[in-house]
Amino acid sequence: MHVHGGPFTIVETDGNPVAPMARIQKDVVNVGPGERYDVIWEAGEPGRWLVHCHIPHHTTNDNVEVEGGGGLTMLIDVVR
């Protein structure tokens, strides 16, 4: 998964807290089947920020874009 607009910090994995000294900032994290990540992401400025998967067949409809794609995509609308 990837969030446009800056890195995020991983604070929990699979329901288990990540110790503050072990937390890392990432731009992309590969989420396997059944995995969960809790992240903190702070928008640097207002705008519409895309969250999406970088695996092509997850973000399209069987590798074919239909009306703008499908699958694992989301927009975060940030206002001040």
PDB file of N, CA and C in Angstrom:
ATOM      1  N   MET A   1       0.840  -1.172   0.000  1.00  0.00           N
ATOM      2  CA  MET A   1       0.000   0.000   0.000  1.00  0.00           C
ATOM      3  C   MET A   1       0.885   1.235   0.000  1.00  0.00           C
ATOM      4  N   HIS A   2       0.390   2.270  -0.625  1.00  0.00           N
ATOM      5  CA  HIS A   2       1.152   3.505  -0.797  1.00  0.00           C
ATOM      6  C   HIS A   2       0.217   4.684  -0.572  1.00  0.00           C
ATOM      7  N   VAL A   3       0.689   5.687   0.174  1.00  0.00           N
ATOM      8  CA  VAL A   3      -0.068   6.916   0.396  1.00  0.00           C
ATOM      9  C   VAL A   3       0.671   8.046  -0.289  1.00  0.00           C
ATOM     10  N   HIS A   4       0.005   8.754  -1.189  1.00  0.00           N
ATOM     11  CA  HIS A   4       0.609   9.936  -1.806  1.00  0.00           C
ATOM     12  C   HIS A   4       0.657  11.056  -0.775  1.00  0.00           C
ATOM     13  N   GLY A   5       1.604  11.949  -0.893  1.00  0.00           N
ATOM     14  CA  GLY A   5       1.667  13.109  -0.019  1.00  0.00           C
ATOM     15  C   GLY A   5       2.610  12.974   1.156  1.00  0.00           C
ATOM     16  N   GLY A   6       3.459  11.974   1.151  1.00  0.00           N
ATOM     17  CA  GLY A   6       4.441  11.876   2.218  1.00  0.00           C
ATOM     18  C   GLY A   6       4.436  10.534   2.897  1.00  0.00           C
ATOM     19  N   PRO A   7       5.447  10.265   3.695  1.00  0.00           N
ATOM     20  CA  PRO A   7       5.573   8.964   4.346  1.00  0.00           C
ATOM     21  C   PRO A   7       4.594   8.813   5.509  1.00  0.00           C
ATOM     22  N   PHE A   8       4.436   7.579   5.952  1.00  0.00           N
ATOM     23  CA  PHE A   8       3.635   7.262   7.127  1.00  0.00           C
ATOM     24  C   PHE A   8       4.516   6.506   8.105  1.00  0.00           C
ATOM     25  N   THR A   9       4.094   6.455   9.363  1.00  0.00           N
ATOM     26  CA  THR A   9       4.831   5.746  10.410  1.00  0.00           C
ATOM     27  C   THR A   9       4.026   4.523  10.834  1.00  0.00           C
ATOM     28  N   ILE A  10       4.657   3.363  10.830  1.00  0.00           N
ATOM     29  CA  ILE A  10       3.999   2.129  11.253  1.00  0.00           C
ATOM     30  C   ILE A  10       4.027   2.068  12.775  1.00  0.00           C
ATOM     31  N   VAL A  11       2.822   2.007  13.401  1.00  0.00           N
ATOM     32  CA  VAL A  11       2.731   2.010  14.866  1.00  0.00           C
ATOM     33  C   VAL A  11       2.214   0.679  15.429  1.00  0.00           C
ATOM     34  N   GLU A  12       1.578  -0.156  14.601  1.00  0.00           N
ATOM     35  CA  GLU A  12       1.140  -1.485  15.020  1.00  0.00           C
ATOM     36  C   GLU A  12       1.186  -2.429  13.831  1.00  0.00           C
ATOM     37  N   THR A  13       1.508  -3.684  14.102  1.00  0.00           N
ATOM     38  CA  THR A  13       1.442  -4.722  13.082  1.00  0.00           C
ATOM     39  C   THR A  13       0.630  -5.883  13.648  1.00  0.00           C
ATOM     40  N   ASP A  14      -0.392  -6.279  12.905  1.00  0.00           N
ATOM     41  CA  ASP A  14      -1.265  -7.385  13.312  1.00  0.00           C
ATOM     42  C   ASP A  14      -1.790  -7.226  14.736  1.00  0.00           C
ATOM     43  N   GLY A  15      -2.120  -5.988  15.124  1.00  0.00           N
ATOM     44  CA  GLY A  15      -2.676  -5.729  16.443  1.00  0.00           C
ATOM     45  C   GLY A  15      -1.663  -5.600  17.557  1.00  0.00           C
ATOM     46  N   ASN A  16      -0.395  -5.694  17.233  1.00  0.00           N
ATOM     47  CA  ASN A  16       0.671  -5.592  18.238  1.00  0.00           C
ATOM     48  C   ASN A  16       1.388  -4.260  18.100  1.00  0.00           C
ATOM     49  N   PRO A  17       1.483  -3.495  19.185  1.00  0.00           N
ATOM     50  CA  PRO A  17       2.167  -2.207  19.119  1.00  0.00           C
ATOM     51  C   PRO A  17       3.640  -2.362  18.712  1.00  0.00           C
ATOM     52  N   VAL A  18       4.112  -1.403  17.949  1.00  0.00           N
ATOM     53  CA  VAL A  18       5.534  -1.315  17.610  1.00  0.00           C
ATOM     54  C   VAL A  18       6.142  -0.329  18.609  1.00  0.00           C
ATOM     55  N   ALA A  19       7.177  -0.756  19.301  1.00  0.00           N
ATOM     56  CA  ALA A  19       7.818   0.121  20.288  1.00  0.00           C
ATOM     57  C   ALA A  19       8.260   1.419  19.617  1.00  0.00           C
ATOM     58  N   PRO A  20       8.103   2.565  20.293  1.00  0.00           N
ATOM     59  CA  PRO A  20       8.459   3.845  19.684  1.00  0.00           C
ATOM     60  C   PRO A  20       9.855   3.871  19.053  1.00  0.00           C
ATOM     61  N   MET A  21      10.837   3.233  19.675  1.00  0.00           N
ATOM     62  CA  MET A  21      12.196   3.250  19.117  1.00  0.00           C
ATOM     63  C   MET A  21      12.327   2.358  17.873  1.00  0.00           C
ATOM     64  N   ALA A  22      11.367   1.470  17.658  1.00  0.00           N
ATOM     65  CA  ALA A  22      11.426   0.549  16.514  1.00  0.00           C
ATOM     66  C   ALA A  22      10.541   1.004  15.355  1.00  0.00           C
ATOM     67  N   ARG A  23       9.782   2.078  15.542  1.00  0.00           N
ATOM     68  CA  ARG A  23       8.889   2.564  14.483  1.00  0.00           C
ATOM     69  C   ARG A  23       9.698   3.118  13.322  1.00  0.00           C
ATOM     70  N   ILE A  24       9.207   2.846  12.120  1.00  0.00           N
ATOM     71  CA  ILE A  24       9.892   3.340  10.926  1.00  0.00           C
ATOM     72  C   ILE A  24       8.911   4.071  10.024  1.00  0.00           C
ATOM     73  N   GLN A  25       9.455   4.993   9.253  1.00  0.00           N
ATOM     74  CA  GLN A  25       8.660   5.684   8.247  1.00  0.00           C
ATOM     75  C   GLN A  25       8.832   4.963   6.927  1.00  0.00           C
ATOM     76  N   LYS A  26       7.720   4.814   6.220  1.00  0.00           N
ATOM     77  CA  LYS A  26       7.739   4.134   4.925  1.00  0.00           C
ATOM     78  C   LYS A  26       6.920   4.940   3.935  1.00  0.00           C
ATOM     79  N   ASP A  27       7.196   4.717   2.673  1.00  0.00           N
ATOM     80  CA  ASP A  27       6.420   5.293   1.578  1.00  0.00           C
ATOM     81  C   ASP A  27       5.477   4.235   1.006  1.00  0.00           C
ATOM     82  N   VAL A  28       5.928   2.975   1.048  1.00  0.00           N
ATOM     83  CA  VAL A  28       5.157   1.829   0.558  1.00  0.00           C
ATOM     84  C   VAL A  28       5.378   0.673   1.522  1.00  0.00           C
ATOM     85  N   VAL A  29       4.314  -0.067   1.823  1.00  0.00           N
ATOM     86  CA  VAL A  29       4.448  -1.275   2.629  1.00  0.00           C
ATOM     87  C   VAL A  29       3.706  -2.403   1.918  1.00  0.00           C
ATOM     88  N   ASN A  30       4.349  -3.558   1.819  1.00  0.00           N
ATOM     89  CA  ASN A  30       3.749  -4.729   1.188  1.00  0.00           C
ATOM     90  C   ASN A  30       2.907  -5.446   2.245  1.00  0.00           C
ATOM     91  N   VAL A  31       1.590  -5.457   2.056  1.00  0.00           N
ATOM     92  CA  VAL A  31       0.675  -6.070   3.004  1.00  0.00           C
ATOM     93  C   VAL A  31       0.275  -7.437   2.459  1.00  0.00           C
ATOM     94  N   GLY A  32       0.695  -8.480   3.155  1.00  0.00           N
ATOM     95  CA  GLY A  32       0.373  -9.840   2.735  1.00  0.00           C
ATOM     96  C   GLY A  32      -1.028 -10.242   3.166  1.00  0.00           C
ATOM     97  N   PRO A  33      -1.538 -11.349   2.644  1.00  0.00           N
ATOM     98  CA  PRO A  33      -2.867 -11.837   3.035  1.00  0.00           C
ATOM     99  C   PRO A  33      -2.966 -12.009   4.547  1.00  0.00           C
ATOM    100  N   GLY A  34      -3.983 -11.412   5.135  1.00  0.00           N
ATOM    101  CA  GLY A  34      -4.217 -11.530   6.571  1.00  0.00           C
ATOM    102  C   GLY A  34      -3.429 -10.572   7.436  1.00  0.00           C
ATOM    103  N   GLU A  35      -2.503  -9.809   6.862  1.00  0.00           N
ATOM    104  CA  GLU A  35      -1.710  -8.860   7.648  1.00  0.00           C
ATOM    105  C   GLU A  35      -2.482  -7.564   7.852  1.00  0.00           C
ATOM    106  N   ARG A  36      -2.155  -6.888   8.952  1.00  0.00           N
ATOM    107  CA  ARG A  36      -2.741  -5.581   9.247  1.00  0.00           C
ATOM    108  C   ARG A  36      -1.624  -4.642   9.706  1.00  0.00           C
ATOM    109  N   TYR A  37      -1.724  -3.403   9.286  1.00  0.00           N
ATOM    110  CA  TYR A  37      -0.798  -2.363   9.733  1.00  0.00           C
ATOM    111  C   TYR A  37      -1.611  -1.165  10.188  1.00  0.00           C
ATOM    112  N   ASP A  38      -1.284  -0.623  11.348  1.00  0.00           N
ATOM    113  CA  ASP A  38      -1.816   0.662  11.780  1.00  0.00           C
ATOM    114  C   ASP A  38      -0.714   1.679  11.536  1.00  0.00           C
ATOM    115  N   VAL A  39      -1.076   2.751  10.841  1.00  0.00           N
ATOM    116  CA  VAL A  39      -0.085   3.766  10.496  1.00  0.00           C
ATOM    117  C   VAL A  39      -0.599   5.144  10.888  1.00  0.00           C
ATOM    118  N   ILE A  40       0.345   6.042  11.092  1.00  0.00           N
ATOM    119  CA  ILE A  40       0.022   7.452  11.287  1.00  0.00           C
ATOM    120  C   ILE A  40       0.574   8.189  10.073  1.00  0.00           C
ATOM    121  N   TRP A  41      -0.308   8.904   9.410  1.00  0.00           N
ATOM    122  CA  TRP A  41       0.066   9.706   8.239  1.00  0.00           C
ATOM    123  C   TRP A  41      -0.459  11.106   8.467  1.00  0.00           C
ATOM    124  N   GLU A  42       0.395  12.086   8.294  1.00  0.00           N
ATOM    125  CA  GLU A  42       0.000  13.478   8.473  1.00  0.00           C
ATOM    126  C   GLU A  42       0.174  14.217   7.156  1.00  0.00           C
ATOM    127  N   ALA A  43      -0.915  14.778   6.673  1.00  0.00           N
ATOM    128  CA  ALA A  43      -0.864  15.525   5.412  1.00  0.00           C
ATOM    129  C   ALA A  43      -0.048  16.795   5.604  1.00  0.00           C
ATOM    130  N   GLY A  44       0.849  17.049   4.682  1.00  0.00           N
ATOM    131  CA  GLY A  44       1.663  18.256   4.745  1.00  0.00           C
ATOM    132  C   GLY A  44       0.922  19.495   4.290  1.00  0.00           C
ATOM    133  N   GLU A  45      -0.158  19.284   3.545  1.00  0.00           N
ATOM    134  CA  GLU A  45      -0.957  20.389   3.032  1.00  0.00           C
ATOM    135  C   GLU A  45      -2.327  19.864   2.627  1.00  0.00           C
ATOM    136  N   PRO A  46      -3.304  20.760   2.488  1.00  0.00           N
ATOM    137  CA  PRO A  46      -4.630  20.323   2.057  1.00  0.00           C
ATOM    138  C   PRO A  46      -4.576  19.736   0.650  1.00  0.00           C
ATOM    139  N   GLY A  47      -5.524  18.884   0.358  1.00  0.00           N
ATOM    140  CA  GLY A  47      -5.610  18.313  -0.979  1.00  0.00           C
ATOM    141  C   GLY A  47      -6.297  16.967  -0.950  1.00  0.00           C
ATOM    142  N   ARG A  48      -6.333  16.336  -2.103  1.00  0.00           N
ATOM    143  CA  ARG A  48      -6.887  14.991  -2.225  1.00  0.00           C
ATOM    144  C   ARG A  48      -5.719  14.036  -2.406  1.00  0.00           C
ATOM    145  N   TRP A  49      -5.564  13.107  -1.470  1.00  0.00           N
ATOM    146  CA  TRP A  49      -4.415  12.212  -1.447  1.00  0.00           C
ATOM    147  C   TRP A  49      -4.877  10.784  -1.728  1.00  0.00           C
ATOM    148  N   LEU A  50      -4.190  10.147  -2.636  1.00  0.00           N
ATOM    149  CA  LEU A  50      -4.533   8.804  -3.076  1.00  0.00           C
ATOM    150  C   LEU A  50      -3.838   7.750  -2.220  1.00  0.00           C
ATOM    151  N   VAL A  51      -4.594   6.749  -1.799  1.00  0.00           N
ATOM    152  CA  VAL A  51      -4.067   5.553  -1.137  1.00  0.00           C
ATOM    153  C   VAL A  51      -4.341   4.410  -2.107  1.00  0.00           C
ATOM    154  N   HIS A  52      -3.298   3.662  -2.459  1.00  0.00           N
ATOM    155  CA  HIS A  52      -3.513   2.589  -3.429  1.00  0.00           C
ATOM    156  C   HIS A  52      -2.469   1.504  -3.291  1.00  0.00           C
ATOM    157  N   CYS A  53      -2.751   0.397  -3.925  1.00  0.00           N
ATOM    158  CA  CYS A  53      -1.848  -0.743  -3.960  1.00  0.00           C
ATOM    159  C   CYS A  53      -0.936  -0.607  -5.180  1.00  0.00           C
ATOM    160  N   HIS A  54       0.282  -1.072  -5.067  1.00  0.00           N
ATOM    161  CA  HIS A  54       1.224  -1.023  -6.183  1.00  0.00           C
ATOM    162  C   HIS A  54       1.288  -2.328  -6.974  1.00  0.00           C
ATOM    163  N   ILE A  55       0.410  -3.264  -6.669  1.00  0.00           N
ATOM    164  CA  ILE A  55       0.360  -4.516  -7.422  1.00  0.00           C
ATOM    165  C   ILE A  55      -0.719  -4.352  -8.492  1.00  0.00           C
ATOM    166  N   PRO A  56      -0.334  -4.322  -9.795  1.00  0.00           N
ATOM    167  CA  PRO A  56      -1.276  -3.951 -10.859  1.00  0.00           C
ATOM    168  C   PRO A  56      -2.606  -4.701 -10.851  1.00  0.00           C
ATOM    169  N   HIS A  57      -2.615  -5.997 -10.640  1.00  0.00           N
ATOM    170  CA  HIS A  57      -3.900  -6.690 -10.713  1.00  0.00           C
ATOM    171  C   HIS A  57      -4.775  -6.442  -9.482  1.00  0.00           C
ATOM    172  N   HIS A  58      -4.236  -5.765  -8.462  1.00  0.00           N
ATOM    173  CA  HIS A  58      -5.063  -5.364  -7.317  1.00  0.00           C
ATOM    174  C   HIS A  58      -5.749  -4.030  -7.566  1.00  0.00           C
ATOM    175  N   THR A  59      -5.186  -3.191  -8.399  1.00  0.00           N
ATOM    176  CA  THR A  59      -5.726  -1.847  -8.619  1.00  0.00           C
ATOM    177  C   THR A  59      -6.527  -1.739  -9.899  1.00  0.00           C
ATOM    178  N   THR A  60      -6.634  -2.806 -10.629  1.00  0.00           N
ATOM    179  CA  THR A  60      -7.427  -2.828 -11.852  1.00  0.00           C
ATOM    180  C   THR A  60      -8.433  -3.963 -11.758  1.00  0.00           C
ATOM    181  N   ASN A  61      -9.234  -4.094 -12.747  1.00  0.00           N
ATOM    182  CA  ASN A  61     -10.185  -5.190 -12.820  1.00  0.00           C
ATOM    183  C   ASN A  61      -9.584  -6.257 -13.717  1.00  0.00           C
ATOM    184  N   ASP A  62      -8.845  -7.189 -13.095  1.00  0.00           N
ATOM    185  CA  ASP A  62      -8.160  -8.266 -13.811  1.00  0.00           C
ATOM    186  C   ASP A  62      -7.195  -7.706 -14.862  1.00  0.00           C
ATOM    187  N   ASN A  63      -6.394  -6.698 -14.438  1.00  0.00           N
ATOM    188  CA  ASN A  63      -5.390  -6.026 -15.270  1.00  0.00           C
ATOM    189  C   ASN A  63      -5.974  -5.184 -16.395  1.00  0.00           C
ATOM    190  N   VAL A  64      -7.262  -4.855 -16.325  1.00  0.00           N
ATOM    191  CA  VAL A  64      -7.906  -3.989 -17.313  1.00  0.00           C
ATOM    192  C   VAL A  64      -8.562  -2.842 -16.553  1.00  0.00           C
ATOM    193  N   GLU A  65      -8.191  -1.587 -16.916  1.00  0.00           N
ATOM    194  CA  GLU A  65      -8.827  -0.442 -16.278  1.00  0.00           C
ATOM    195  C   GLU A  65     -10.201  -0.226 -16.881  1.00  0.00           C
ATOM    196  N   VAL A  66     -11.198  -0.191 -16.018  1.00  0.00           N
ATOM    197  CA  VAL A  66     -12.568   0.052 -16.444  1.00  0.00           C
ATOM    198  C   VAL A  66     -13.083   1.243 -15.655  1.00  0.00           C
ATOM    199  N   GLU A  67     -13.383   2.337 -16.337  1.00  0.00           N
ATOM    200  CA  GLU A  67     -13.880   3.550 -15.688  1.00  0.00           C
ATOM    201  C   GLU A  67     -12.968   4.007 -14.554  1.00  0.00           C
ATOM    202  N   GLY A  68     -11.668   4.035 -14.809  1.00  0.00           N
ATOM    203  CA  GLY A  68     -10.718   4.565 -13.837  1.00  0.00           C
ATOM    204  C   GLY A  68     -10.108   3.550 -12.903  1.00  0.00           C
ATOM    205  N   GLY A  69     -10.292   2.291 -13.160  1.00  0.00           N
ATOM    206  CA  GLY A  69      -9.662   1.271 -12.319  1.00  0.00           C
ATOM    207  C   GLY A  69     -10.631   0.697 -11.307  1.00  0.00           C
ATOM    208  N   GLY A  70     -10.100   0.036 -10.336  1.00  0.00           N
ATOM    209  CA  GLY A  70     -10.919  -0.598  -9.308  1.00  0.00           C
ATOM    210  C   GLY A  70     -10.011  -1.166  -8.243  1.00  0.00           C
ATOM    211  N   GLY A  71     -10.554  -2.020  -7.438  1.00  0.00           N
ATOM    212  CA  GLY A  71      -9.740  -2.681  -6.422  1.00  0.00           C
ATOM    213  C   GLY A  71      -9.333  -1.767  -5.298  1.00  0.00           C
ATOM    214  N   LEU A  72      -8.075  -1.880  -4.884  1.00  0.00           N
ATOM    215  CA  LEU A  72      -7.586  -1.225  -3.676  1.00  0.00           C
ATOM    216  C   LEU A  72      -7.155   0.216  -3.935  1.00  0.00           C
ATOM    217  N   THR A  73      -8.117   1.120  -4.006  1.00  0.00           N
ATOM    218  CA  THR A  73      -7.832   2.541  -4.157  1.00  0.00           C
ATOM    219  C   THR A  73      -8.787   3.331  -3.255  1.00  0.00           C
ATOM    220  N   MET A  74      -8.302   4.455  -2.730  1.00  0.00           N
ATOM    221  CA  MET A  74      -9.104   5.306  -1.855  1.00  0.00           C
ATOM    222  C   MET A  74      -8.544   6.720  -1.910  1.00  0.00           C
ATOM    223  N   LEU A  75      -9.395   7.711  -1.763  1.00  0.00           N
ATOM    224  CA  LEU A  75      -8.972   9.094  -1.671  1.00  0.00           C
ATOM    225  C   LEU A  75      -9.185   9.620  -0.253  1.00  0.00           C
ATOM    226  N   ILE A  76      -8.208  10.373   0.250  1.00  0.00           N
ATOM    227  CA  ILE A  76      -8.341  11.069   1.524  1.00  0.00           C
ATOM    228  C   ILE A  76      -8.434  12.547   1.171  1.00  0.00           C
ATOM    229  N   ASP A  77      -9.529  13.187   1.571  1.00  0.00           N
ATOM    230  CA  ASP A  77      -9.756  14.598   1.283  1.00  0.00           C
ATOM    231  C   ASP A  77      -9.370  15.408   2.512  1.00  0.00           C
ATOM    232  N   VAL A  78      -8.291  16.188   2.415  1.00  0.00           N
ATOM    233  CA  VAL A  78      -7.755  16.947   3.556  1.00  0.00           C
ATOM    234  C   VAL A  78      -8.072  18.422   3.372  1.00  0.00           C
ATOM    235  N   VAL A  79      -8.716  19.006   4.386  1.00  0.00           N
ATOM    236  CA  VAL A  79      -9.003  20.438   4.387  1.00  0.00           C
ATOM    237  C   VAL A  79      -8.427  21.040   5.651  1.00  0.00           C
ATOM    238  N   ARG A  80      -8.165  22.307   5.630  1.00  0.00           N
ATOM    239  CA  ARG A  80      -7.644  22.993   6.829  1.00  0.00           C
ATOM    240  C   ARG A  80      -8.723  23.838   7.438  1.00  0.00           C
TER     241      ARG A  80
END
